[in-house]
Amino acid sequence: MGYLAASMKCNACGNKSLMSDMRYSRFSDSLVCVHCYEAQKKAGVKGALKAAQRKAAPPEGDSFVKYKCGACGYRFSRKQSVDFGRVCPYCSRDSAVRVSLNEAQQLLRESRFVGYY
């Protein structure tokens, strides 16, 4: 019985590779190709930690803005420079509004009293 040769994208380099050539990363739960796996093995812990820190840090000068959908309540963030037309990525409705710090603080204050009646 034959099998279908499936390919998927490597989470480290972005190249497509066969599933049989994929390995779990040495430092996370993501799948990487054999070439990236071997590179991680050679680089060791220091190189992988530096790469993870670079990937996790947002680019400088481009801050994120928090939004909340008025229709479904989904909360998400976008870069300030991105114009997405206020469309919610979850329900696709044009009802996303910017969440201000004051609104967040107000919600926290109100949530303290929930369930104490």
N, C-alpha and C. Protein backbone atom coordinates (compact mmCIF):
# COMPACT_ATOMS: atom_id res chain seq x y z
N MET A 1 0.85 -1.17 0.00
CA MET A 1 0.00 0.00 0.00
C MET A 1 0.89 1.23 0.00
N GLY A 2 0.62 2.18 -0.90
CA GLY A 2 1.42 3.38 -1.02
C GLY A 2 0.95 4.47 -0.08
N TYR A 3 1.71 5.49 0.03
CA TYR A 3 1.33 6.61 0.86
C TYR A 3 1.52 7.90 0.07
N LEU A 4 0.85 8.92 0.50
CA LEU A 4 0.93 10.21 -0.13
C LEU A 4 2.09 10.99 0.48
N ALA A 5 3.03 11.42 -0.34
CA ALA A 5 4.18 12.17 0.15
C ALA A 5 3.75 13.60 0.44
N ALA A 6 3.55 13.90 1.70
CA ALA A 6 3.10 15.23 2.10
C ALA A 6 4.31 16.11 2.40
N SER A 7 4.19 17.38 2.06
CA SER A 7 5.26 18.32 2.38
C SER A 7 4.69 19.43 3.25
N MET A 8 5.56 20.02 4.02
CA MET A 8 5.14 21.13 4.87
C MET A 8 6.27 22.14 4.99
N LYS A 9 5.93 23.31 5.47
CA LYS A 9 6.86 24.42 5.57
C LYS A 9 7.67 24.31 6.86
N CYS A 10 8.97 24.50 6.74
CA CYS A 10 9.87 24.49 7.90
C CYS A 10 9.63 25.77 8.70
N ASN A 11 9.50 25.66 10.01
CA ASN A 11 9.25 26.82 10.86
C ASN A 11 10.49 27.66 11.08
N ALA A 12 11.66 27.18 10.69
CA ALA A 12 12.88 27.95 10.87
C ALA A 12 13.27 28.71 9.61
N CYS A 13 13.33 28.00 8.47
CA CYS A 13 13.80 28.66 7.24
C CYS A 13 12.67 28.99 6.27
N GLY A 14 11.51 28.35 6.40
CA GLY A 14 10.38 28.64 5.54
C GLY A 14 10.34 27.83 4.27
N ASN A 15 11.32 26.97 4.02
CA ASN A 15 11.32 26.14 2.82
C ASN A 15 10.41 24.93 3.01
N LYS A 16 9.85 24.45 1.91
CA LYS A 16 9.02 23.25 1.99
C LYS A 16 9.90 22.01 1.98
N SER A 17 9.50 21.02 2.76
CA SER A 17 10.25 19.79 2.88
C SER A 17 9.27 18.64 3.08
N LEU A 18 9.68 17.43 2.72
CA LEU A 18 8.83 16.26 2.93
C LEU A 18 8.65 16.01 4.42
N MET A 19 7.50 15.47 4.78
CA MET A 19 7.22 15.17 6.19
C MET A 19 8.26 14.21 6.77
N SER A 20 8.76 13.29 5.95
CA SER A 20 9.75 12.33 6.44
C SER A 20 11.07 13.01 6.77
N ASP A 21 11.30 14.23 6.24
CA ASP A 21 12.53 14.96 6.51
C ASP A 21 12.37 16.00 7.61
N MET A 22 11.23 16.02 8.28
CA MET A 22 10.98 17.01 9.33
C MET A 22 11.35 16.42 10.70
N ARG A 23 11.86 17.28 11.56
CA ARG A 23 12.22 16.90 12.93
C ARG A 23 11.68 17.96 13.88
N TYR A 24 11.45 17.57 15.11
CA TYR A 24 11.08 18.56 16.12
C TYR A 24 12.33 19.35 16.48
N SER A 25 12.16 20.66 16.59
CA SER A 25 13.26 21.54 16.92
C SER A 25 13.84 21.14 18.28
N ARG A 26 15.13 21.37 18.42
CA ARG A 26 15.79 21.01 19.68
C ARG A 26 15.39 21.93 20.82
N PHE A 27 14.84 23.12 20.49
CA PHE A 27 14.59 24.10 21.52
C PHE A 27 13.13 24.53 21.61
N SER A 28 12.26 23.94 20.80
CA SER A 28 10.83 24.26 20.87
C SER A 28 10.04 23.09 20.34
N ASP A 29 8.71 23.24 20.29
CA ASP A 29 7.85 22.17 19.81
C ASP A 29 7.51 22.31 18.34
N SER A 30 8.22 23.14 17.60
CA SER A 30 7.92 23.35 16.19
C SER A 30 8.70 22.36 15.33
N LEU A 31 8.17 22.09 14.14
CA LEU A 31 8.82 21.20 13.21
C LEU A 31 9.76 21.98 12.30
N VAL A 32 10.98 21.45 12.13
CA VAL A 32 11.97 22.06 11.26
C VAL A 32 12.53 21.00 10.32
N CYS A 33 13.11 21.44 9.20
CA CYS A 33 13.69 20.50 8.25
C CYS A 33 15.00 19.95 8.81
N VAL A 34 15.51 18.92 8.17
CA VAL A 34 16.73 18.26 8.63
C VAL A 34 17.91 19.24 8.62
N HIS A 35 17.98 20.11 7.60
CA HIS A 35 19.09 21.06 7.51
C HIS A 35 19.08 22.02 8.69
N CYS A 36 17.92 22.55 9.04
CA CYS A 36 17.83 23.47 10.19
C CYS A 36 18.08 22.74 11.50
N TYR A 37 17.64 21.49 11.58
CA TYR A 37 17.87 20.70 12.78
C TYR A 37 19.36 20.50 13.01
N GLU A 38 20.08 20.17 11.94
CA GLU A 38 21.53 20.00 12.05
C GLU A 38 22.22 21.32 12.40
N ALA A 39 21.73 22.42 11.83
CA ALA A 39 22.30 23.73 12.15
C ALA A 39 22.08 24.07 13.61
N GLN A 40 20.89 23.73 14.14
CA GLN A 40 20.61 23.97 15.56
C GLN A 40 21.54 23.13 16.43
N LYS A 41 21.80 21.91 15.99
CA LYS A 41 22.66 21.03 16.76
C LYS A 41 24.08 21.60 16.81
N LYS A 42 24.56 22.14 15.68
CA LYS A 42 25.90 22.71 15.64
C LYS A 42 25.98 24.02 16.41
N ALA A 43 24.95 24.85 16.30
CA ALA A 43 24.96 26.16 16.96
C ALA A 43 24.86 26.04 18.47
N GLY A 44 24.17 25.02 18.93
CA GLY A 44 24.02 24.81 20.36
C GLY A 44 22.96 25.72 20.96
N VAL A 45 22.93 25.76 22.26
CA VAL A 45 21.89 26.49 22.98
C VAL A 45 22.03 28.00 22.79
N LYS A 46 23.24 28.53 22.80
CA LYS A 46 23.44 29.98 22.71
C LYS A 46 22.88 30.54 21.41
N GLY A 47 23.17 29.90 20.29
CA GLY A 47 22.69 30.38 19.01
C GLY A 47 21.18 30.32 18.90
N ALA A 48 20.58 29.28 19.44
CA ALA A 48 19.13 29.13 19.37
C ALA A 48 18.43 30.15 20.26
N LEU A 49 18.99 30.42 21.43
CA LEU A 49 18.38 31.41 22.31
C LEU A 49 18.47 32.81 21.70
N LYS A 50 19.58 33.14 21.08
CA LYS A 50 19.71 34.45 20.43
C LYS A 50 18.72 34.58 19.30
N ALA A 51 18.55 33.52 18.51
CA ALA A 51 17.60 33.56 17.41
C ALA A 51 16.17 33.71 17.92
N ALA A 52 15.83 33.03 19.01
CA ALA A 52 14.49 33.13 19.58
C ALA A 52 14.23 34.53 20.12
N GLN A 53 15.24 35.15 20.70
CA GLN A 53 15.08 36.51 21.21
C GLN A 53 14.88 37.50 20.08
N ARG A 54 15.61 37.33 18.97
CA ARG A 54 15.44 38.21 17.82
C ARG A 54 14.06 38.06 17.22
N LYS A 55 13.57 36.83 17.17
CA LYS A 55 12.26 36.57 16.59
C LYS A 55 11.14 37.12 17.48
N ALA A 56 11.31 37.05 18.79
CA ALA A 56 10.26 37.48 19.71
C ALA A 56 10.20 38.99 19.87
N ALA A 57 11.28 39.69 19.63
CA ALA A 57 11.30 41.14 19.83
C ALA A 57 10.60 41.84 18.66
N PRO A 58 9.67 42.74 18.96
CA PRO A 58 9.01 43.47 17.87
C PRO A 58 9.98 44.47 17.26
N PRO A 59 9.81 44.78 15.98
CA PRO A 59 10.70 45.74 15.35
C PRO A 59 10.58 47.11 16.02
N GLU A 60 11.70 47.78 16.15
CA GLU A 60 11.72 49.07 16.83
C GLU A 60 11.02 50.13 16.00
N GLY A 61 10.35 51.03 16.66
CA GLY A 61 9.71 52.14 15.99
C GLY A 61 8.30 51.84 15.48
N ASP A 62 7.86 50.61 15.56
CA ASP A 62 6.53 50.25 15.08
C ASP A 62 5.77 49.62 16.25
N SER A 63 4.99 50.41 16.96
CA SER A 63 4.30 49.91 18.14
C SER A 63 2.99 49.22 17.76
N PHE A 64 2.51 48.40 18.66
CA PHE A 64 1.28 47.67 18.44
C PHE A 64 0.11 48.39 19.12
N VAL A 65 -1.06 48.29 18.50
CA VAL A 65 -2.28 48.90 19.01
C VAL A 65 -3.27 47.78 19.27
N LYS A 66 -3.95 47.83 20.42
CA LYS A 66 -4.92 46.79 20.77
C LYS A 66 -6.31 47.18 20.28
N TYR A 67 -7.04 46.17 19.78
CA TYR A 67 -8.39 46.36 19.28
C TYR A 67 -9.32 45.32 19.89
N LYS A 68 -10.61 45.63 19.88
CA LYS A 68 -11.65 44.71 20.33
C LYS A 68 -12.80 44.80 19.35
N CYS A 69 -13.32 43.64 18.94
CA CYS A 69 -14.45 43.61 18.02
C CYS A 69 -15.73 43.89 18.81
N GLY A 70 -16.53 44.81 18.30
CA GLY A 70 -17.79 45.14 18.96
C GLY A 70 -18.85 44.09 18.75
N ALA A 71 -18.71 43.26 17.71
CA ALA A 71 -19.71 42.25 17.41
C ALA A 71 -19.49 40.95 18.20
N CYS A 72 -18.26 40.43 18.16
CA CYS A 72 -18.02 39.13 18.80
C CYS A 72 -17.16 39.22 20.06
N GLY A 73 -16.53 40.37 20.31
CA GLY A 73 -15.72 40.53 21.52
C GLY A 73 -14.29 40.05 21.40
N TYR A 74 -13.87 39.64 20.21
CA TYR A 74 -12.51 39.15 20.00
C TYR A 74 -11.51 40.29 20.18
N ARG A 75 -10.44 40.02 20.92
CA ARG A 75 -9.39 41.02 21.16
C ARG A 75 -8.16 40.63 20.36
N PHE A 76 -7.53 41.61 19.72
CA PHE A 76 -6.34 41.37 18.92
C PHE A 76 -5.52 42.65 18.85
N SER A 77 -4.32 42.54 18.30
CA SER A 77 -3.47 43.72 18.16
C SER A 77 -2.90 43.76 16.75
N ARG A 78 -2.61 44.95 16.30
CA ARG A 78 -2.03 45.19 14.97
C ARG A 78 -0.94 46.25 15.12
N LYS A 79 0.00 46.24 14.19
CA LYS A 79 0.99 47.30 14.15
C LYS A 79 0.28 48.61 13.84
N GLN A 80 0.77 49.67 14.42
CA GLN A 80 0.14 50.96 14.24
C GLN A 80 0.18 51.40 12.78
N SER A 81 1.19 50.97 12.03
CA SER A 81 1.34 51.38 10.64
C SER A 81 0.43 50.60 9.69
N VAL A 82 -0.20 49.51 10.14
CA VAL A 82 -1.03 48.68 9.28
C VAL A 82 -2.46 49.21 9.29
N ASP A 83 -3.01 49.45 8.09
CA ASP A 83 -4.40 49.86 7.96
C ASP A 83 -5.20 48.64 7.52
N PHE A 84 -6.02 48.11 8.40
CA PHE A 84 -6.77 46.89 8.08
C PHE A 84 -8.26 47.16 7.91
N GLY A 85 -8.67 48.40 7.92
CA GLY A 85 -10.07 48.74 7.67
C GLY A 85 -11.02 48.40 8.80
N ARG A 86 -10.49 48.17 10.00
CA ARG A 86 -11.30 47.87 11.18
C ARG A 86 -12.13 46.59 11.03
N VAL A 87 -11.61 45.63 10.26
CA VAL A 87 -12.30 44.36 10.06
C VAL A 87 -11.75 43.36 11.07
N CYS A 88 -12.64 42.71 11.80
CA CYS A 88 -12.25 41.71 12.79
C CYS A 88 -11.70 40.47 12.08
N PRO A 89 -10.52 39.96 12.48
CA PRO A 89 -9.98 38.76 11.84
C PRO A 89 -10.72 37.49 12.22
N TYR A 90 -11.55 37.54 13.25
CA TYR A 90 -12.27 36.35 13.70
C TYR A 90 -13.63 36.22 13.04
N CYS A 91 -14.43 37.30 13.04
CA CYS A 91 -15.79 37.21 12.50
C CYS A 91 -15.96 37.96 11.18
N SER A 92 -14.94 38.68 10.73
CA SER A 92 -14.93 39.40 9.45
C SER A 92 -15.95 40.53 9.38
N ARG A 93 -16.37 41.04 10.51
CA ARG A 93 -17.30 42.17 10.51
C ARG A 93 -16.51 43.47 10.66
N ASP A 94 -17.08 44.54 10.19
CA ASP A 94 -16.44 45.85 10.25
C ASP A 94 -16.83 46.54 11.56
N SER A 95 -16.35 46.00 12.68
CA SER A 95 -16.77 46.54 13.97
C SER A 95 -15.65 46.56 15.01
N ALA A 96 -14.40 46.51 14.57
CA ALA A 96 -13.29 46.53 15.51
C ALA A 96 -13.02 47.97 15.95
N VAL A 97 -12.86 48.16 17.24
CA VAL A 97 -12.56 49.47 17.79
C VAL A 97 -11.28 49.40 18.61
N ARG A 98 -10.59 50.51 18.68
CA ARG A 98 -9.34 50.59 19.42
C ARG A 98 -9.63 50.57 20.91
N VAL A 99 -8.87 49.78 21.64
CA VAL A 99 -9.05 49.68 23.09
C VAL A 99 -8.07 50.65 23.74
N SER A 100 -8.61 51.58 24.48
CA SER A 100 -7.76 52.54 25.17
C SER A 100 -7.37 51.99 26.53
N LEU A 101 -6.34 52.53 27.09
CA LEU A 101 -5.88 52.10 28.42
C LEU A 101 -6.94 52.39 29.46
N ASN A 102 -7.65 53.49 29.32
CA ASN A 102 -8.68 53.83 30.29
C ASN A 102 -9.80 52.80 30.28
N GLU A 103 -10.18 52.32 29.10
CA GLU A 103 -11.23 51.30 29.00
C GLU A 103 -10.77 50.00 29.66
N ALA A 104 -9.51 49.65 29.45
CA ALA A 104 -8.97 48.43 30.06
C ALA A 104 -8.97 48.56 31.58
N GLN A 105 -8.57 49.71 32.08
CA GLN A 105 -8.56 49.92 33.53
C GLN A 105 -9.98 49.86 34.10
N GLN A 106 -10.94 50.41 33.36
CA GLN A 106 -12.33 50.38 33.80
C GLN A 106 -12.85 48.94 33.86
N LEU A 107 -12.52 48.13 32.86
CA LEU A 107 -12.94 46.73 32.87
C LEU A 107 -12.34 45.98 34.05
N LEU A 108 -11.09 46.27 34.38
CA LEU A 108 -10.47 45.63 35.55
C LEU A 108 -11.17 46.02 36.84
N ARG A 109 -11.50 47.28 36.96
CA ARG A 109 -12.21 47.73 38.16
C ARG A 109 -13.57 47.06 38.29
N GLU A 110 -14.30 46.97 37.18
CA GLU A 110 -15.63 46.35 37.20
C GLU A 110 -15.54 44.86 37.49
N SER A 111 -14.47 44.19 37.01
CA SER A 111 -14.37 42.74 37.18
C SER A 111 -14.11 42.37 38.64
N ARG A 112 -13.63 43.29 39.46
CA ARG A 112 -13.39 43.00 40.87
C ARG A 112 -14.68 42.74 41.62
N PHE A 113 -15.77 43.33 41.17
CA PHE A 113 -17.04 43.22 41.87
C PHE A 113 -17.95 42.13 41.33
N VAL A 114 -17.52 41.44 40.28
CA VAL A 114 -18.34 40.39 39.69
C VAL A 114 -18.34 39.17 40.62
N GLY A 115 -19.47 38.67 40.93
CA GLY A 115 -19.58 37.46 41.75
C GLY A 115 -19.62 37.69 43.24
N TYR A 116 -19.61 38.94 43.70
CA TYR A 116 -19.62 39.21 45.13
C TYR A 116 -21.00 39.69 45.61
N TYR A 117 -22.03 39.49 44.84
CA TYR A 117 -23.35 39.94 45.23
C TYR A 117 -24.15 38.82 45.84
